[in-house]
C-alpha atoms as a PDB file:
ATOM      1  CA  MET A   1       8.246  34.419  11.610  1.00  0.00           C
ATOM      2  CA  ARG A   2       5.502  31.800  11.531  1.00  0.00           C
ATOM      3  CA  LYS A   3       2.094  33.327  11.016  1.00  0.00           C
ATOM      4  CA  ARG A   4      -0.218  32.617  13.925  1.00  0.00           C
ATOM      5  CA  HIS A   5      -3.671  31.277  13.246  1.00  0.00           C
ATOM      6  CA  LEU A   6      -6.365  33.644  12.061  1.00  0.00           C
ATOM      7  CA  GLN A   7      -9.165  34.640  14.412  1.00  0.00           C
ATOM      8  CA  THR A   8     -12.904  34.298  13.769  1.00  0.00           C
ATOM      9  CA  ALA A   9     -13.300  38.042  14.231  1.00  0.00           C
ATOM     10  CA  ASN A  10     -12.535  38.333  10.516  1.00  0.00           C
ATOM     11  CA  MET A  11     -15.813  36.607   9.610  1.00  0.00           C
ATOM     12  CA  THR A  12     -18.498  38.995   8.376  1.00  0.00           C
ATOM     13  CA  ASP A  13     -22.060  39.031   9.688  1.00  0.00           C
ATOM     14  CA  ASP A  14     -23.298  37.653   6.352  1.00  0.00           C
ATOM     15  CA  GLU A  15     -20.880  34.722   6.575  1.00  0.00           C
ATOM     16  CA  ARG A  16     -21.970  33.968  10.141  1.00  0.00           C
ATOM     17  CA  GLU A  17     -25.607  33.864   9.060  1.00  0.00           C
ATOM     18  CA  THR A  18     -25.113  31.921   5.807  1.00  0.00           C
ATOM     19  CA  PRO A  19     -25.369  28.162   6.455  1.00  0.00           C
ATOM     20  CA  ASN A  20     -23.721  27.317   3.122  1.00  0.00           C
ATOM     21  CA  VAL A  21     -20.389  28.851   4.115  1.00  0.00           C
ATOM     22  CA  CYS A  22     -18.033  26.125   5.302  1.00  0.00           C
ATOM     23  CA  ARG A  23     -15.854  27.107   8.253  1.00  0.00           C
ATOM     24  CA  ILE A  24     -12.446  25.617   7.543  1.00  0.00           C
ATOM     25  CA  LEU A  25      -9.434  25.104   9.776  1.00  0.00           C
ATOM     26  CA  LEU A  26      -6.132  24.626   7.932  1.00  0.00           C
ATOM     27  CA  VAL A  27      -3.126  22.987   9.595  1.00  0.00           C
ATOM     28  CA  GLU A  28       0.196  22.986   7.707  1.00  0.00           C
ATOM     29  CA  ASP A  29       3.641  23.557   9.208  1.00  0.00           C
ATOM     30  CA  ASP A  30       5.372  24.695   6.005  1.00  0.00           C
ATOM     31  CA  GLY A  31       4.876  28.448   5.662  1.00  0.00           C
ATOM     32  CA  PRO A  32       4.773  28.816   1.844  1.00  0.00           C
ATOM     33  CA  VAL A  33       2.514  25.775   1.432  1.00  0.00           C
ATOM     34  CA  ARG A  34       0.216  27.007   4.204  1.00  0.00           C
ATOM     35  CA  GLU A  35      -0.030  30.442   2.603  1.00  0.00           C
ATOM     36  CA  ARG A  36      -0.755  28.963  -0.831  1.00  0.00           C
ATOM     37  CA  LEU A  37      -3.525  26.695   0.488  1.00  0.00           C
ATOM     38  CA  ALA A  38      -4.915  29.541   2.589  1.00  0.00           C
ATOM     39  CA  ARG A  39      -5.175  31.750  -0.503  1.00  0.00           C
ATOM     40  CA  ILE A  40      -7.020  29.040  -2.429  1.00  0.00           C
ATOM     41  CA  ILE A  41      -9.511  28.559   0.404  1.00  0.00           C
ATOM     42  CA  THR A  42      -9.926  32.293   1.066  1.00  0.00           C
ATOM     43  CA  ASP A  43     -10.666  32.967  -2.606  1.00  0.00           C
ATOM     44  CA  TRP A  44     -13.459  30.378  -2.579  1.00  0.00           C
ATOM     45  CA  ARG A  45     -16.756  32.125  -1.874  1.00  0.00           C
ATOM     46  CA  LYS A  46     -18.269  29.066  -0.214  1.00  0.00           C
ATOM     47  CA  ALA A  47     -15.633  28.911   2.523  1.00  0.00           C
ATOM     48  CA  HIS A  48     -14.479  30.933   5.485  1.00  0.00           C
ATOM     49  CA  LEU A  49     -10.953  30.244   6.702  1.00  0.00           C
ATOM     50  CA  ILE A  50     -11.192  30.232  10.480  1.00  0.00           C
ATOM     51  CA  ALA A  51      -7.485  29.701  11.044  1.00  0.00           C
ATOM     52  CA  ALA A  52      -4.258  28.789   9.265  1.00  0.00           C
ATOM     53  CA  CYS A  53      -2.135  26.992  11.840  1.00  0.00           C
ATOM     54  CA  GLY A  54       1.485  25.906  11.768  1.00  0.00           C
ATOM     55  CA  THR A  55       1.505  23.633  14.808  1.00  0.00           C
ATOM     56  CA  LEU A  56      -0.668  21.078  16.572  1.00  0.00           C
ATOM     57  CA  GLY A  57      -0.888  23.415  19.580  1.00  0.00           C
ATOM     58  CA  GLU A  58      -2.353  26.195  17.445  1.00  0.00           C
ATOM     59  CA  ALA A  59      -4.746  23.724  15.843  1.00  0.00           C
ATOM     60  CA  THR A  60      -6.092  22.367  19.121  1.00  0.00           C
ATOM     61  CA  ALA A  61      -6.618  25.921  20.405  1.00  0.00           C
ATOM     62  CA  ALA A  62      -8.520  26.809  17.234  1.00  0.00           C
ATOM     63  CA  ILE A  63     -10.689  23.684  17.513  1.00  0.00           C
ATOM     64  CA  ARG A  64     -11.416  24.487  21.136  1.00  0.00           C
ATOM     65  CA  ASP A  65     -12.297  28.152  20.503  1.00  0.00           C
ATOM     66  CA  ASN A  66     -14.087  28.054  17.143  1.00  0.00           C
ATOM     67  CA  PRO A  67     -16.932  26.172  15.418  1.00  0.00           C
ATOM     68  CA  VAL A  68     -15.131  24.132  12.743  1.00  0.00           C
ATOM     69  CA  ASP A  69     -16.981  22.454   9.889  1.00  0.00           C
ATOM     70  CA  LEU A  70     -13.924  21.074   8.093  1.00  0.00           C
ATOM     71  CA  LEU A  71     -10.377  20.369   9.229  1.00  0.00           C
ATOM     72  CA  ILE A  72      -7.718  20.190   6.511  1.00  0.00           C
ATOM     73  CA  THR A  73      -4.479  18.981   8.035  1.00  0.00           C
ATOM     74  CA  ASP A  74      -0.985  17.799   7.257  1.00  0.00           C
ATOM     75  CA  LEU A  75       0.250  14.864   9.328  1.00  0.00           C
ATOM     76  CA  ASN A  76       3.842  15.585  10.347  1.00  0.00           C
ATOM     77  CA  LEU A  77       3.762  18.675  12.569  1.00  0.00           C
ATOM     78  CA  PRO A  78       6.587  20.174  14.689  1.00  0.00           C
ATOM     79  CA  ASP A  79       4.848  19.373  17.973  1.00  0.00           C
ATOM     80  CA  GLY A  80       2.751  16.343  17.142  1.00  0.00           C
ATOM     81  CA  HIS A  81       0.737  14.550  14.504  1.00  0.00           C
ATOM     82  CA  GLY A  82      -2.249  15.699  12.470  1.00  0.00           C
ATOM     83  CA  VAL A  83      -4.174  12.595  13.538  1.00  0.00           C
ATOM     84  CA  GLN A  84      -4.347  14.098  17.031  1.00  0.00           C
ATOM     85  CA  ALA A  85      -6.201  17.113  15.652  1.00  0.00           C
ATOM     86  CA  ILE A  86      -8.555  14.823  13.711  1.00  0.00           C
ATOM     87  CA  ARG A  87      -9.373  12.876  16.867  1.00  0.00           C
ATOM     88  CA  MET A  88      -9.947  16.046  18.883  1.00  0.00           C
ATOM     89  CA  LEU A  89     -12.323  17.464  16.281  1.00  0.00           C
ATOM     90  CA  ARG A  90     -14.218  14.181  16.083  1.00  0.00           C
ATOM     91  CA  THR A  91     -14.671  14.267  19.865  1.00  0.00           C
ATOM     92  CA  THR A  92     -15.677  17.927  20.156  1.00  0.00           C
ATOM     93  CA  ARG A  93     -17.703  18.216  16.921  1.00  0.00           C
ATOM     94  CA  PRO A  94     -18.848  14.768  15.732  1.00  0.00           C
ATOM     95  CA  ASP A  95     -20.613  16.233  12.682  1.00  0.00           C
ATOM     96  CA  ALA A  96     -17.487  18.004  11.396  1.00  0.00           C
ATOM     97  CA  GLU A  97     -15.373  16.580   8.582  1.00  0.00           C
ATOM     98  CA  SER A  98     -11.614  16.071   8.317  1.00  0.00           C
ATOM     99  CA  MET A  99      -9.369  15.760   5.283  1.00  0.00           C
ATOM    100  CA  VAL A 100      -5.646  15.056   5.104  1.00  0.00           C
ATOM    101  CA  ILE A 101      -3.340  16.779   2.619  1.00  0.00           C
ATOM    102  CA  SER A 102       0.104  15.233   2.965  1.00  0.00           C
ATOM    103  CA  VAL A 103       3.095  13.780   1.151  1.00  0.00           C
ATOM    104  CA  LEU A 104       2.824  10.642   3.292  1.00  0.00           C
ATOM    105  CA  ALA A 105       1.315   7.666   1.491  1.00  0.00           C
ATOM    106  CA  ASP A 106       2.516   4.720   3.583  1.00  0.00           C
ATOM    107  CA  ASP A 107       0.057   2.211   5.012  1.00  0.00           C
ATOM    108  CA  ARG A 108       0.471   3.207   8.656  1.00  0.00           C
ATOM    109  CA  ASN A 109      -0.230   6.931   8.239  1.00  0.00           C
ATOM    110  CA  VAL A 110      -3.062   6.438   5.749  1.00  0.00           C
ATOM    111  CA  ILE A 111      -4.944   3.849   7.821  1.00  0.00           C
ATOM    112  CA  GLU A 112      -4.350   5.701  11.096  1.00  0.00           C
ATOM    113  CA  ALA A 113      -5.763   8.933   9.651  1.00  0.00           C
ATOM    114  CA  ILE A 114      -8.842   7.224   8.227  1.00  0.00           C
ATOM    115  CA  GLU A 115      -9.494   5.284  11.423  1.00  0.00           C
ATOM    116  CA  ALA A 116      -9.206   8.555  13.375  1.00  0.00           C
ATOM    117  CA  GLY A 117     -12.004  10.054  11.292  1.00  0.00           C
ATOM    118  CA  ALA A 118     -10.542  11.496   8.086  1.00  0.00           C
ATOM    119  CA  SER A 119     -13.074  11.290   5.243  1.00  0.00           C
ATOM    120  CA  GLY A 120     -10.615  12.406   2.572  1.00  0.00           C
ATOM    121  CA  TYR A 121      -6.912  12.002   1.885  1.00  0.00           C
ATOM    122  CA  LEU A 122      -5.106  13.985  -0.818  1.00  0.00           C
ATOM    123  CA  LEU A 123      -1.445  13.956  -1.691  1.00  0.00           C
ATOM    124  CA  LYS A 124       0.310  17.292  -2.012  1.00  0.00           C
ATOM    125  CA  ASP A 125       0.979  16.750  -5.694  1.00  0.00           C
ATOM    126  CA  SER A 126      -2.724  17.380  -6.336  1.00  0.00           C
ATOM    127  CA  ASP A 127      -3.344  20.321  -8.646  1.00  0.00           C
ATOM    128  CA  PRO A 128      -4.566  23.364  -6.640  1.00  0.00           C
ATOM    129  CA  ILE A 129      -7.938  23.480  -8.405  1.00  0.00           C
ATOM    130  CA  ASN A 130      -8.604  19.882  -7.363  1.00  0.00           C
ATOM    131  CA  ILE A 131      -8.385  20.884  -3.712  1.00  0.00           C
ATOM    132  CA  ILE A 132     -11.585  22.907  -4.006  1.00  0.00           C
ATOM    133  CA  ASP A 133     -13.205  20.085  -5.961  1.00  0.00           C
ATOM    134  CA  ALA A 134     -12.191  17.687  -3.188  1.00  0.00           C
ATOM    135  CA  ILE A 135     -13.663  19.929  -0.489  1.00  0.00           C
ATOM    136  CA  SER A 136     -16.911  20.193  -2.453  1.00  0.00           C
ATOM    137  CA  ASP A 137     -17.060  16.414  -2.874  1.00  0.00           C
ATOM    138  CA  LEU A 138     -16.400  15.841   0.817  1.00  0.00           C
ATOM    139  CA  LEU A 139     -19.135  18.262   1.878  1.00  0.00           C
ATOM    140  CA  ALA A 140     -21.472  16.484  -0.541  1.00  0.00           C
ATOM    141  CA  GLY A 141     -20.912  13.223   1.306  1.00  0.00           C
ATOM    142  CA  LYS A 142     -18.193  11.768  -0.902  1.00  0.00           C
ATOM    143  CA  SER A 143     -14.664  10.730   0.116  1.00  0.00           C
ATOM    144  CA  PRO A 144     -12.010  12.422  -2.045  1.00  0.00           C
ATOM    145  CA  ILE A 145      -8.939  10.172  -2.089  1.00  0.00           C
ATOM    146  CA  SER A 146      -5.869  10.339  -4.316  1.00  0.00           C
ATOM    147  CA  SER A 147      -5.350   7.270  -6.484  1.00  0.00           C
ATOM    148  CA  THR A 148      -2.142   6.322  -4.667  1.00  0.00           C
ATOM    149  CA  ILE A 149      -4.001   6.405  -1.346  1.00  0.00           C
ATOM    150  CA  ALA A 150      -6.819   4.301  -2.788  1.00  0.00           C
ATOM    151  CA  ARG A 151      -4.275   1.669  -3.802  1.00  0.00           C
ATOM    152  CA  THR A 152      -2.830   1.723  -0.292  1.00  0.00           C
ATOM    153  CA  ILE A 153      -6.266   1.091   1.214  1.00  0.00           C
ATOM    154  CA  ILE A 154      -7.076  -1.675  -1.256  1.00  0.00           C
ATOM    155  CA  ARG A 155      -3.721  -3.315  -0.639  1.00  0.00           C
ATOM    156  CA  ARG A 156      -4.378  -3.227   3.098  1.00  0.00           C
ATOM    157  CA  MET A 157      -7.919  -4.587   2.729  1.00  0.00           C
ATOM    158  CA  THR A 158      -6.768  -7.455   0.535  1.00  0.00           C
ATOM    159  CA  GLY A 159      -4.122  -8.449   3.065  1.00  0.00           C
ATOM    160  CA  ARG A 160      -1.116  -7.271   1.079  1.00  0.00           C
ATOM    161  CA  GLY A 161      -0.374  -4.234   3.202  1.00  0.00           C
ATOM    162  CA  ASN A 162       2.005  -6.047   5.509  1.00  0.00           C
ATOM    163  CA  THR A 163       4.167  -7.443   2.723  1.00  0.00           C
ATOM    164  CA  PRO A 164       7.155  -5.130   2.244  1.00  0.00           C
ATOM    165  CA  ASP A 165       8.010  -4.111  -1.286  1.00  0.00           C
ATOM    166  CA  PRO A 166      11.509  -5.046  -2.458  1.00  0.00           C
ATOM    167  CA  GLN A 167      13.844  -2.129  -1.807  1.00  0.00           C
ATOM    168  CA  PRO A 168      16.824  -1.054  -3.919  1.00  0.00           C
ATOM    169  CA  ASP A 169      20.316  -1.382  -2.525  1.00  0.00           C
ATOM    170  CA  ASP A 170      21.046   2.073  -1.111  1.00  0.00           C
ATOM    171  CA  ALA A 171      24.787   1.492  -1.416  1.00  0.00           C
ATOM    172  CA  THR A 172      24.573   1.167  -5.195  1.00  0.00           C
ATOM    173  CA  ALA A 173      21.852   3.765  -5.750  1.00  0.00           C
ATOM    174  CA  GLN A 174      22.737   6.751  -7.916  1.00  0.00           C
ATOM    175  CA  PRO A 175      23.162   9.905  -5.813  1.00  0.00           C
ATOM    176  CA  LEU A 176      21.029  12.936  -6.535  1.00  0.00           C
ATOM    177  CA  THR A 177      22.734  16.122  -7.676  1.00  0.00           C
ATOM    178  CA  PRO A 178      22.396  19.300  -5.558  1.00  0.00           C
ATOM    179  CA  ARG A 179      19.861  20.674  -8.050  1.00  0.00           C
ATOM    180  CA  GLU A 180      17.868  17.446  -7.938  1.00  0.00           C
ATOM    181  CA  MET A 181      17.861  17.667  -4.143  1.00  0.00           C
ATOM    182  CA  ASP A 182      16.448  21.194  -4.423  1.00  0.00           C
ATOM    183  CA  ILE A 183      13.721  19.926  -6.741  1.00  0.00           C
ATOM    184  CA  LEU A 184      13.011  16.946  -4.477  1.00  0.00           C
ATOM    185  CA  TRP A 185      12.581  19.251  -1.480  1.00  0.00           C
ATOM    186  CA  GLY A 186      10.162  21.355  -3.497  1.00  0.00           C
ATOM    187  CA  ILE A 187       7.950  18.482  -4.640  1.00  0.00           C
ATOM    188  CA  ALA A 188       7.912  17.153  -1.067  1.00  0.00           C
ATOM    189  CA  LYS A 189       6.464  20.513  -0.034  1.00  0.00           C
ATOM    190  CA  GLY A 190       3.848  20.340  -2.765  1.00  0.00           C
ATOM    191  CA  PHE A 191       5.121  23.152  -5.010  1.00  0.00           C
ATOM    192  CA  THR A 192       4.037  23.282  -8.633  1.00  0.00           C
ATOM    193  CA  TYR A 193       6.505  23.277 -11.544  1.00  0.00           C
ATOM    194  CA  GLY A 194       6.035  27.022 -11.935  1.00  0.00           C
ATOM    195  CA  GLU A 195       6.662  27.706  -8.253  1.00  0.00           C
ATOM    196  CA  LEU A 196       9.792  25.540  -8.289  1.00  0.00           C
ATOM    197  CA  ALA A 197      11.121  27.317 -11.377  1.00  0.00           C
ATOM    198  CA  GLU A 198      10.546  30.717  -9.793  1.00  0.00           C
ATOM    199  CA  ARG A 199      12.123  29.762  -6.452  1.00  0.00           C
ATOM    200  CA  LEU A 200      15.173  28.126  -8.037  1.00  0.00           C
ATOM    201  CA  GLN A 201      15.419  30.681 -10.859  1.00  0.00           C
ATOM    202  CA  ILE A 202      15.430  28.072 -13.593  1.00  0.00           C
ATOM    203  CA  SER A 203      13.329  27.507 -16.688  1.00  0.00           C
ATOM    204  CA  LYS A 204       9.883  26.000 -16.108  1.00  0.00           C
ATOM    205  CA  GLU A 205      10.637  23.498 -18.884  1.00  0.00           C
ATOM    206  CA  THR A 206      13.731  22.317 -16.988  1.00  0.00           C
ATOM    207  CA  VAL A 207      11.835  21.255 -13.883  1.00  0.00           C
ATOM    208  CA  PRO A 208      10.162  18.120 -15.358  1.00  0.00           C
ATOM    209  CA  VAL A 209      13.545  17.040 -16.761  1.00  0.00           C
ATOM    210  CA  HIS A 210      15.044  17.089 -13.268  1.00  0.00           C
ATOM    211  CA  ILE A 211      11.988  15.310 -11.868  1.00  0.00           C
ATOM    212  CA  LYS A 212      12.318  12.576 -14.495  1.00  0.00           C
ATOM    213  CA  HIS A 213      15.923  12.005 -13.388  1.00  0.00           C
ATOM    214  CA  ILE A 214      14.834  11.926  -9.737  1.00  0.00           C
ATOM    215  CA  TYR A 215      12.166   9.315 -10.480  1.00  0.00           C
ATOM    216  CA  ARG A 216      14.696   7.169 -12.325  1.00  0.00           C
ATOM    217  CA  LYS A 217      17.290   7.338  -9.552  1.00  0.00           C
ATOM    218  CA  LEU A 218      14.745   6.656  -6.816  1.00  0.00           C
ATOM    219  CA  GLN A 219      12.906   4.027  -8.879  1.00  0.00           C
ATOM    220  CA  ALA A 220       9.656   5.942  -8.408  1.00  0.00           C
ATOM    221  CA  ASN A 221       6.631   6.398 -10.656  1.00  0.00           C
ATOM    222  CA  ASN A 222       5.192   9.587  -9.173  1.00  0.00           C
ATOM    223  CA  ARG A 223       5.835  12.356  -6.660  1.00  0.00           C
ATOM    224  CA  SER A 224       4.497  10.458  -3.675  1.00  0.00           C
ATOM    225  CA  GLU A 225       6.656   7.410  -4.335  1.00  0.00           C
ATOM    226  CA  ALA A 226       9.710   9.623  -4.862  1.00  0.00           C
ATOM    227  CA  VAL A 227       9.153  11.464  -1.590  1.00  0.00           C
ATOM    228  CA  TYR A 228       8.519   8.234   0.307  1.00  0.00           C
ATOM    229  CA  GLU A 229      11.661   6.593  -1.091  1.00  0.00           C
ATOM    230  CA  ALA A 230      13.780   9.690  -0.433  1.00  0.00           C
ATOM    231  CA  SER A 231      12.520   9.755   3.143  1.00  0.00           C
ATOM    232  CA  ARG A 232      13.258   6.042   3.553  1.00  0.00           C
ATOM    233  CA  ARG A 233      16.818   6.586   2.363  1.00  0.00           C
ATOM    234  CA  GLY A 234      17.275   9.531   4.710  1.00  0.00           C
ATOM    235  CA  LEU A 235      17.658  12.061   1.884  1.00  0.00           C
ATOM    236  CA  ILE A 236      14.894  14.270   3.238  1.00  0.00           C
ATOM    237  CA  ARG A 237      13.091  14.533   6.544  1.00  0.00           C
ATOM    238  CA  LEU A 238       9.305  14.844   6.426  1.00  0.00           C
END
């Protein structure tokens, strides 16, 4: 059963009175990923997790009912798009910040999120410890952006964003094995090598071997490109 969002009643009196505690709203539809990110945020003494939501509806209710300092959201949600939550927060709390954590790195989603008000954009292949670093940077007035996203923005600004990259012939592309599909699903959800090994009951050293084969077959250089190409080919649905 999907865990409903957490209520502000869990905040202590000290947290309410401490201005340095950042009140964070997390929006992620994938249960295991949401729980992992929620644990990272909860363990950080400078943050209070107001809610961990699985849908846009839950997110909008949390924004309406709670004072949010930072929204961390995925983009593809079961009942809408994370950009809608970003826009709502910008309207209701103009001083609040928003950051995207997603597997989507295409021009349209990146630019739409930034134009809606996102000040940061991380890909889900970011190491967990970098998430806290990114939040700290954002609250310090910086804009944490994954390198792939930075290239997307630069490409768009230099007028190359509308030129489609040459695509491989899907008919002649090498098919992925069932195990490679399992691995691909896992990296699309943002799992680490260790988490993938545990879930699939395989050696941790085997995971990067499978990922190397996936990159080769999809003609990708990193996780984000692999997920994007797999989605384009219809191998996975984001």
